[in-house]
């Protein structure tokens, strides 16, 4: 499952780099995928839910 999430991240990254003016109107369907949510949950659980570098997110 992690590979699918990584592939999604890479494809979005490449699209943004190829066209910096591009607007991503519909990211909800990508973020709300069960594999993306599962990977996010595993990462939050692994770091104990502590905030990121900015202390908030």
PDB file of N, CA and C in Angstrom:
ATOM      1  N   UNK A   1       0.826  -1.194   0.000  1.00  0.00           N
ATOM      2  CA  UNK A   1       0.000   0.000   0.000  1.00  0.00           C
ATOM      3  C   UNK A   1       0.869   1.256   0.000  1.00  0.00           C
ATOM      4  N   UNK A   2       1.972   1.205   0.698  1.00  0.00           N
ATOM      5  CA  UNK A   2       2.842   2.371   0.801  1.00  0.00           C
ATOM      6  C   UNK A   2       3.343   2.812  -0.575  1.00  0.00           C
ATOM      7  N   UNK A   3       3.588   1.851  -1.479  1.00  0.00           N
ATOM      8  CA  UNK A   3       4.058   2.189  -2.816  1.00  0.00           C
ATOM      9  C   UNK A   3       3.025   2.989  -3.593  1.00  0.00           C
ATOM     10  N   UNK A   4       1.751   2.657  -3.431  1.00  0.00           N
ATOM     11  CA  UNK A   4       0.704   3.405  -4.129  1.00  0.00           C
ATOM     12  C   UNK A   4       0.652   4.848  -3.644  1.00  0.00           C
ATOM     13  N   UNK A   5       0.817   5.040  -2.366  1.00  0.00           N
ATOM     14  CA  UNK A   5       0.823   6.393  -1.806  1.00  0.00           C
ATOM     15  C   UNK A   5       2.029   7.152  -2.337  1.00  0.00           C
ATOM     16  N   UNK A   6       3.187   6.509  -2.367  1.00  0.00           N
ATOM     17  CA  UNK A   6       4.401   7.144  -2.881  1.00  0.00           C
ATOM     18  C   UNK A   6       4.237   7.493  -4.364  1.00  0.00           C
ATOM     19  N   UNK A   7       3.623   6.601  -5.142  1.00  0.00           N
ATOM     20  CA  UNK A   7       3.382   6.877  -6.559  1.00  0.00           C
ATOM     21  C   UNK A   7       2.481   8.097  -6.727  1.00  0.00           C
ATOM     22  N   UNK A   8       1.453   8.205  -5.904  1.00  0.00           N
ATOM     23  CA  UNK A   8       0.561   9.365  -5.956  1.00  0.00           C
ATOM     24  C   UNK A   8       1.334  10.634  -5.632  1.00  0.00           C
ATOM     25  N   UNK A   9       2.142  10.593  -4.581  1.00  0.00           N
ATOM     26  CA  UNK A   9       2.941  11.763  -4.212  1.00  0.00           C
ATOM     27  C   UNK A   9       3.865  12.179  -5.353  1.00  0.00           C
ATOM     28  N   UNK A  10       4.511  11.220  -5.950  1.00  0.00           N
ATOM     29  CA  UNK A  10       5.442  11.522  -7.049  1.00  0.00           C
ATOM     30  C   UNK A  10       4.723  12.099  -8.258  1.00  0.00           C
ATOM     31  N   UNK A  11       3.574  11.535  -8.609  1.00  0.00           N
ATOM     32  CA  UNK A  11       2.861  12.045  -9.782  1.00  0.00           C
ATOM     33  C   UNK A  11       2.364  13.470  -9.545  1.00  0.00           C
ATOM     34  N   UNK A  12       1.899  13.765  -8.344  1.00  0.00           N
ATOM     35  CA  UNK A  12       1.469  15.131  -8.033  1.00  0.00           C
ATOM     36  C   UNK A  12       2.662  16.080  -8.029  1.00  0.00           C
ATOM     37  N   UNK A  13       3.783  15.626  -7.501  1.00  0.00           N
ATOM     38  CA  UNK A  13       5.002  16.438  -7.481  1.00  0.00           C
ATOM     39  C   UNK A  13       5.459  16.759  -8.900  1.00  0.00           C
ATOM     40  N   UNK A  14       5.508  15.728  -9.751  1.00  0.00           N
ATOM     41  CA  UNK A  14       5.952  15.942 -11.136  1.00  0.00           C
ATOM     42  C   UNK A  14       5.018  16.888 -11.873  1.00  0.00           C
ATOM     43  N   UNK A  15       3.721  16.743 -11.676  1.00  0.00           N
ATOM     44  CA  UNK A  15       2.757  17.622 -12.339  1.00  0.00           C
ATOM     45  C   UNK A  15       2.939  19.065 -11.884  1.00  0.00           C
ATOM     46  N   UNK A  16       3.184  19.261 -10.599  1.00  0.00           N
ATOM     47  CA  UNK A  16       3.378  20.617 -10.070  1.00  0.00           C
ATOM     48  C   UNK A  16       4.680  21.220 -10.581  1.00  0.00           C
ATOM     49  N   UNK A  17       5.734  20.416 -10.663  1.00  0.00           N
ATOM     50  CA  UNK A  17       7.018  20.915 -11.160  1.00  0.00           C
ATOM     51  C   UNK A  17       6.960  21.219 -12.656  1.00  0.00           C
ATOM     52  N   UNK A  18       6.237  20.397 -13.409  1.00  0.00           N
ATOM     53  CA  UNK A  18       6.139  20.593 -14.855  1.00  0.00           C
ATOM     54  C   UNK A  18       5.366  21.860 -15.200  1.00  0.00           C
ATOM     55  N   UNK A  19       4.391  22.200 -14.371  1.00  0.00           N
ATOM     56  CA  UNK A  19       3.572  23.390 -14.621  1.00  0.00           C
ATOM     57  C   UNK A  19       3.317  24.101 -13.299  1.00  0.00           C
ATOM     58  N   UNK A  20       4.211  25.021 -12.907  1.00  0.00           N
ATOM     59  CA  UNK A  20       4.070  25.716 -11.621  1.00  0.00           C
ATOM     60  C   UNK A  20       2.772  26.515 -11.485  1.00  0.00           C
ATOM     61  N   UNK A  21       2.148  26.849 -12.604  1.00  0.00           N
ATOM     62  CA  UNK A  21       0.893  27.612 -12.566  1.00  0.00           C
ATOM     63  C   UNK A  21      -0.333  26.706 -12.441  1.00  0.00           C
ATOM     64  N   UNK A  22      -0.126  25.414 -12.487  1.00  0.00           N
ATOM     65  CA  UNK A  22      -1.241  24.467 -12.448  1.00  0.00           C
ATOM     66  C   UNK A  22      -1.988  24.556 -11.126  1.00  0.00           C
ATOM     67  N   UNK A  23      -3.294  24.513 -11.221  1.00  0.00           N
ATOM     68  CA  UNK A  23      -4.152  24.474 -10.029  1.00  0.00           C
ATOM     69  C   UNK A  23      -4.668  23.049  -9.859  1.00  0.00           C
ATOM     70  N   UNK A  24      -4.575  22.549  -8.671  1.00  0.00           N
ATOM     71  CA  UNK A  24      -5.103  21.226  -8.361  1.00  0.00           C
ATOM     72  C   UNK A  24      -6.464  21.425  -7.708  1.00  0.00           C
ATOM     73  N   UNK A  25      -7.488  21.406  -8.525  1.00  0.00           N
ATOM     74  CA  UNK A  25      -8.829  21.713  -8.040  1.00  0.00           C
ATOM     75  C   UNK A  25      -9.416  20.606  -7.176  1.00  0.00           C
ATOM     76  N   UNK A  26      -9.102  19.389  -7.502  1.00  0.00           N
ATOM     77  CA  UNK A  26      -9.729  18.286  -6.784  1.00  0.00           C
ATOM     78  C   UNK A  26      -8.671  17.374  -6.173  1.00  0.00           C
ATOM     79  N   UNK A  27      -8.276  17.694  -4.960  1.00  0.00           N
ATOM     80  CA  UNK A  27      -7.344  16.825  -4.244  1.00  0.00           C
ATOM     81  C   UNK A  27      -8.077  15.958  -3.227  1.00  0.00           C
ATOM     82  N   UNK A  28      -9.313  16.320  -2.914  1.00  0.00           N
ATOM     83  CA  UNK A  28     -10.068  15.601  -1.894  1.00  0.00           C
ATOM     84  C   UNK A  28     -10.155  14.110  -2.210  1.00  0.00           C
ATOM     85  N   UNK A  29     -10.440  13.780  -3.473  1.00  0.00           N
ATOM     86  CA  UNK A  29     -10.573  12.368  -3.832  1.00  0.00           C
ATOM     87  C   UNK A  29      -9.255  11.616  -3.675  1.00  0.00           C
ATOM     88  N   UNK A  30      -8.145  12.326  -3.760  1.00  0.00           N
ATOM     89  CA  UNK A  30      -6.847  11.689  -3.601  1.00  0.00           C
ATOM     90  C   UNK A  30      -6.459  11.565  -2.128  1.00  0.00           C
ATOM     91  N   UNK A  31      -6.742  12.576  -1.347  1.00  0.00           N
ATOM     92  CA  UNK A  31      -6.409  12.567   0.078  1.00  0.00           C
ATOM     93  C   UNK A  31      -7.312  11.607   0.843  1.00  0.00           C
ATOM     94  N   UNK A  32      -8.547  11.478   0.409  1.00  0.00           N
ATOM     95  CA  UNK A  32      -9.532  10.672   1.119  1.00  0.00           C
ATOM     96  C   UNK A  32      -9.455   9.184   0.773  1.00  0.00           C
ATOM     97  N   UNK A  33      -8.517   8.799  -0.078  1.00  0.00           N
ATOM     98  CA  UNK A  33      -8.364   7.383  -0.409  1.00  0.00           C
ATOM     99  C   UNK A  33      -7.983   6.608   0.844  1.00  0.00           C
ATOM    100  N   UNK A  34      -8.490   5.399   0.963  1.00  0.00           N
ATOM    101  CA  UNK A  34      -8.237   4.613   2.175  1.00  0.00           C
ATOM    102  C   UNK A  34      -6.750   4.317   2.364  1.00  0.00           C
ATOM    103  N   UNK A  35      -6.010   4.085   1.277  1.00  0.00           N
ATOM    104  CA  UNK A  35      -4.579   3.801   1.432  1.00  0.00           C
ATOM    105  C   UNK A  35      -3.817   5.034   1.906  1.00  0.00           C
ATOM    106  N   UNK A  36      -4.224   6.220   1.467  1.00  0.00           N
ATOM    107  CA  UNK A  36      -3.578   7.459   1.902  1.00  0.00           C
ATOM    108  C   UNK A  36      -3.884   7.714   3.377  1.00  0.00           C
ATOM    109  N   UNK A  37      -5.140   7.541   3.768  1.00  0.00           N
ATOM    110  CA  UNK A  37      -5.520   7.743   5.167  1.00  0.00           C
ATOM    111  C   UNK A  37      -4.823   6.733   6.079  1.00  0.00           C
ATOM    112  N   UNK A  38      -4.720   5.490   5.635  1.00  0.00           N
ATOM    113  CA  UNK A  38      -4.058   4.457   6.430  1.00  0.00           C
ATOM    114  C   UNK A  38      -2.586   4.794   6.623  1.00  0.00           C
ATOM    115  N   UNK A  39      -1.908   5.227   5.558  1.00  0.00           N
ATOM    116  CA  UNK A  39      -0.496   5.594   5.653  1.00  0.00           C
ATOM    117  C   UNK A  39      -0.318   6.793   6.584  1.00  0.00           C
ATOM    118  N   UNK A  40      -1.199   7.767   6.492  1.00  0.00           N
ATOM    119  CA  UNK A  40      -1.127   8.940   7.371  1.00  0.00           C
ATOM    120  C   UNK A  40      -1.301   8.526   8.829  1.00  0.00           C
ATOM    121  N   UNK A  41      -2.269   7.648   9.087  1.00  0.00           N
ATOM    122  CA  UNK A  41      -2.501   7.184  10.455  1.00  0.00           C
ATOM    123  C   UNK A  41      -1.271   6.461  11.000  1.00  0.00           C
ATOM    124  N   UNK A  42      -0.649   5.616  10.182  1.00  0.00           N
ATOM    125  CA  UNK A  42       0.543   4.891  10.634  1.00  0.00           C
ATOM    126  C   UNK A  42       1.674   5.860  10.982  1.00  0.00           C
ATOM    127  N   UNK A  43       1.825   6.917  10.192  1.00  0.00           N
ATOM    128  CA  UNK A  43       2.893   7.886  10.458  1.00  0.00           C
ATOM    129  C   UNK A  43       2.620   8.677  11.736  1.00  0.00           C
ATOM    130  N   UNK A  44       1.370   9.053  11.955  1.00  0.00           N
ATOM    131  CA  UNK A  44       1.019   9.779  13.182  1.00  0.00           C
ATOM    132  C   UNK A  44       1.230   8.879  14.391  1.00  0.00           C
ATOM    133  N   UNK A  45       0.805   7.631  14.281  1.00  0.00           N
ATOM    134  CA  UNK A  45       0.982   6.690  15.389  1.00  0.00           C
ATOM    135  C   UNK A  45       2.467   6.472  15.684  1.00  0.00           C
ATOM    136  N   UNK A  46       3.278   6.376  14.632  1.00  0.00           N
ATOM    137  CA  UNK A  46       4.712   6.124  14.808  1.00  0.00           C
ATOM    138  C   UNK A  46       5.418   7.270  15.520  1.00  0.00           C
ATOM    139  N   UNK A  47       4.972   8.513  15.285  1.00  0.00           N
ATOM    140  CA  UNK A  47       5.651   9.644  15.934  1.00  0.00           C
ATOM    141  C   UNK A  47       4.928  10.092  17.199  1.00  0.00           C
ATOM    142  N   UNK A  48       3.970   9.305  17.648  1.00  0.00           N
ATOM    143  CA  UNK A  48       3.267   9.608  18.890  1.00  0.00           C
ATOM    144  C   UNK A  48       2.324  10.793  18.788  1.00  0.00           C
ATOM    145  N   UNK A  49       2.032  11.222  17.562  1.00  0.00           N
ATOM    146  CA  UNK A  49       1.108  12.332  17.367  1.00  0.00           C
ATOM    147  C   UNK A  49       1.702  13.696  17.669  1.00  0.00           C
ATOM    148  N   UNK A  50       3.031  13.756  17.832  1.00  0.00           N
ATOM    149  CA  UNK A  50       3.658  15.052  18.116  1.00  0.00           C
ATOM    150  C   UNK A  50       3.608  15.936  16.883  1.00  0.00           C
ATOM    151  N   UNK A  51       3.557  17.262  17.084  1.00  0.00           N
ATOM    152  CA  UNK A  51       3.498  18.170  15.942  1.00  0.00           C
ATOM    153  C   UNK A  51       4.793  18.171  15.137  1.00  0.00           C
ATOM    154  N   UNK A  52       4.710  18.730  13.947  1.00  0.00           N
ATOM    155  CA  UNK A  52       5.873  18.819  13.066  1.00  0.00           C
ATOM    156  C   UNK A  52       6.837  19.902  13.493  1.00  0.00           C
ATOM    157  N   UNK A  53       7.706  20.285  12.573  1.00  0.00           N
ATOM    158  CA  UNK A  53       8.750  21.268  12.859  1.00  0.00           C
ATOM    159  C   UNK A  53       8.200  22.610  13.323  1.00  0.00           C
ATOM    160  N   UNK A  54       7.048  22.990  12.800  1.00  0.00           N
ATOM    161  CA  UNK A  54       6.487  24.290  13.170  1.00  0.00           C
ATOM    162  C   UNK A  54       5.789  24.251  14.528  1.00  0.00           C
ATOM    163  N   UNK A  55       5.677  23.066  15.123  1.00  0.00           N
ATOM    164  CA  UNK A  55       5.065  22.940  16.435  1.00  0.00           C
ATOM    165  C   UNK A  55       3.546  22.902  16.415  1.00  0.00           C
ATOM    166  N   UNK A  56       2.961  22.956  15.217  1.00  0.00           N
ATOM    167  CA  UNK A  56       1.506  22.962  15.122  1.00  0.00           C
ATOM    168  C   UNK A  56       0.943  21.882  14.214  1.00  0.00           C
ATOM    169  N   UNK A  57       1.622  21.604  13.121  1.00  0.00           N
ATOM    170  CA  UNK A  57       1.044  20.658  12.161  1.00  0.00           C
ATOM    171  C   UNK A  57       1.833  19.370  12.087  1.00  0.00           C
TER     172      UNK A  57
END
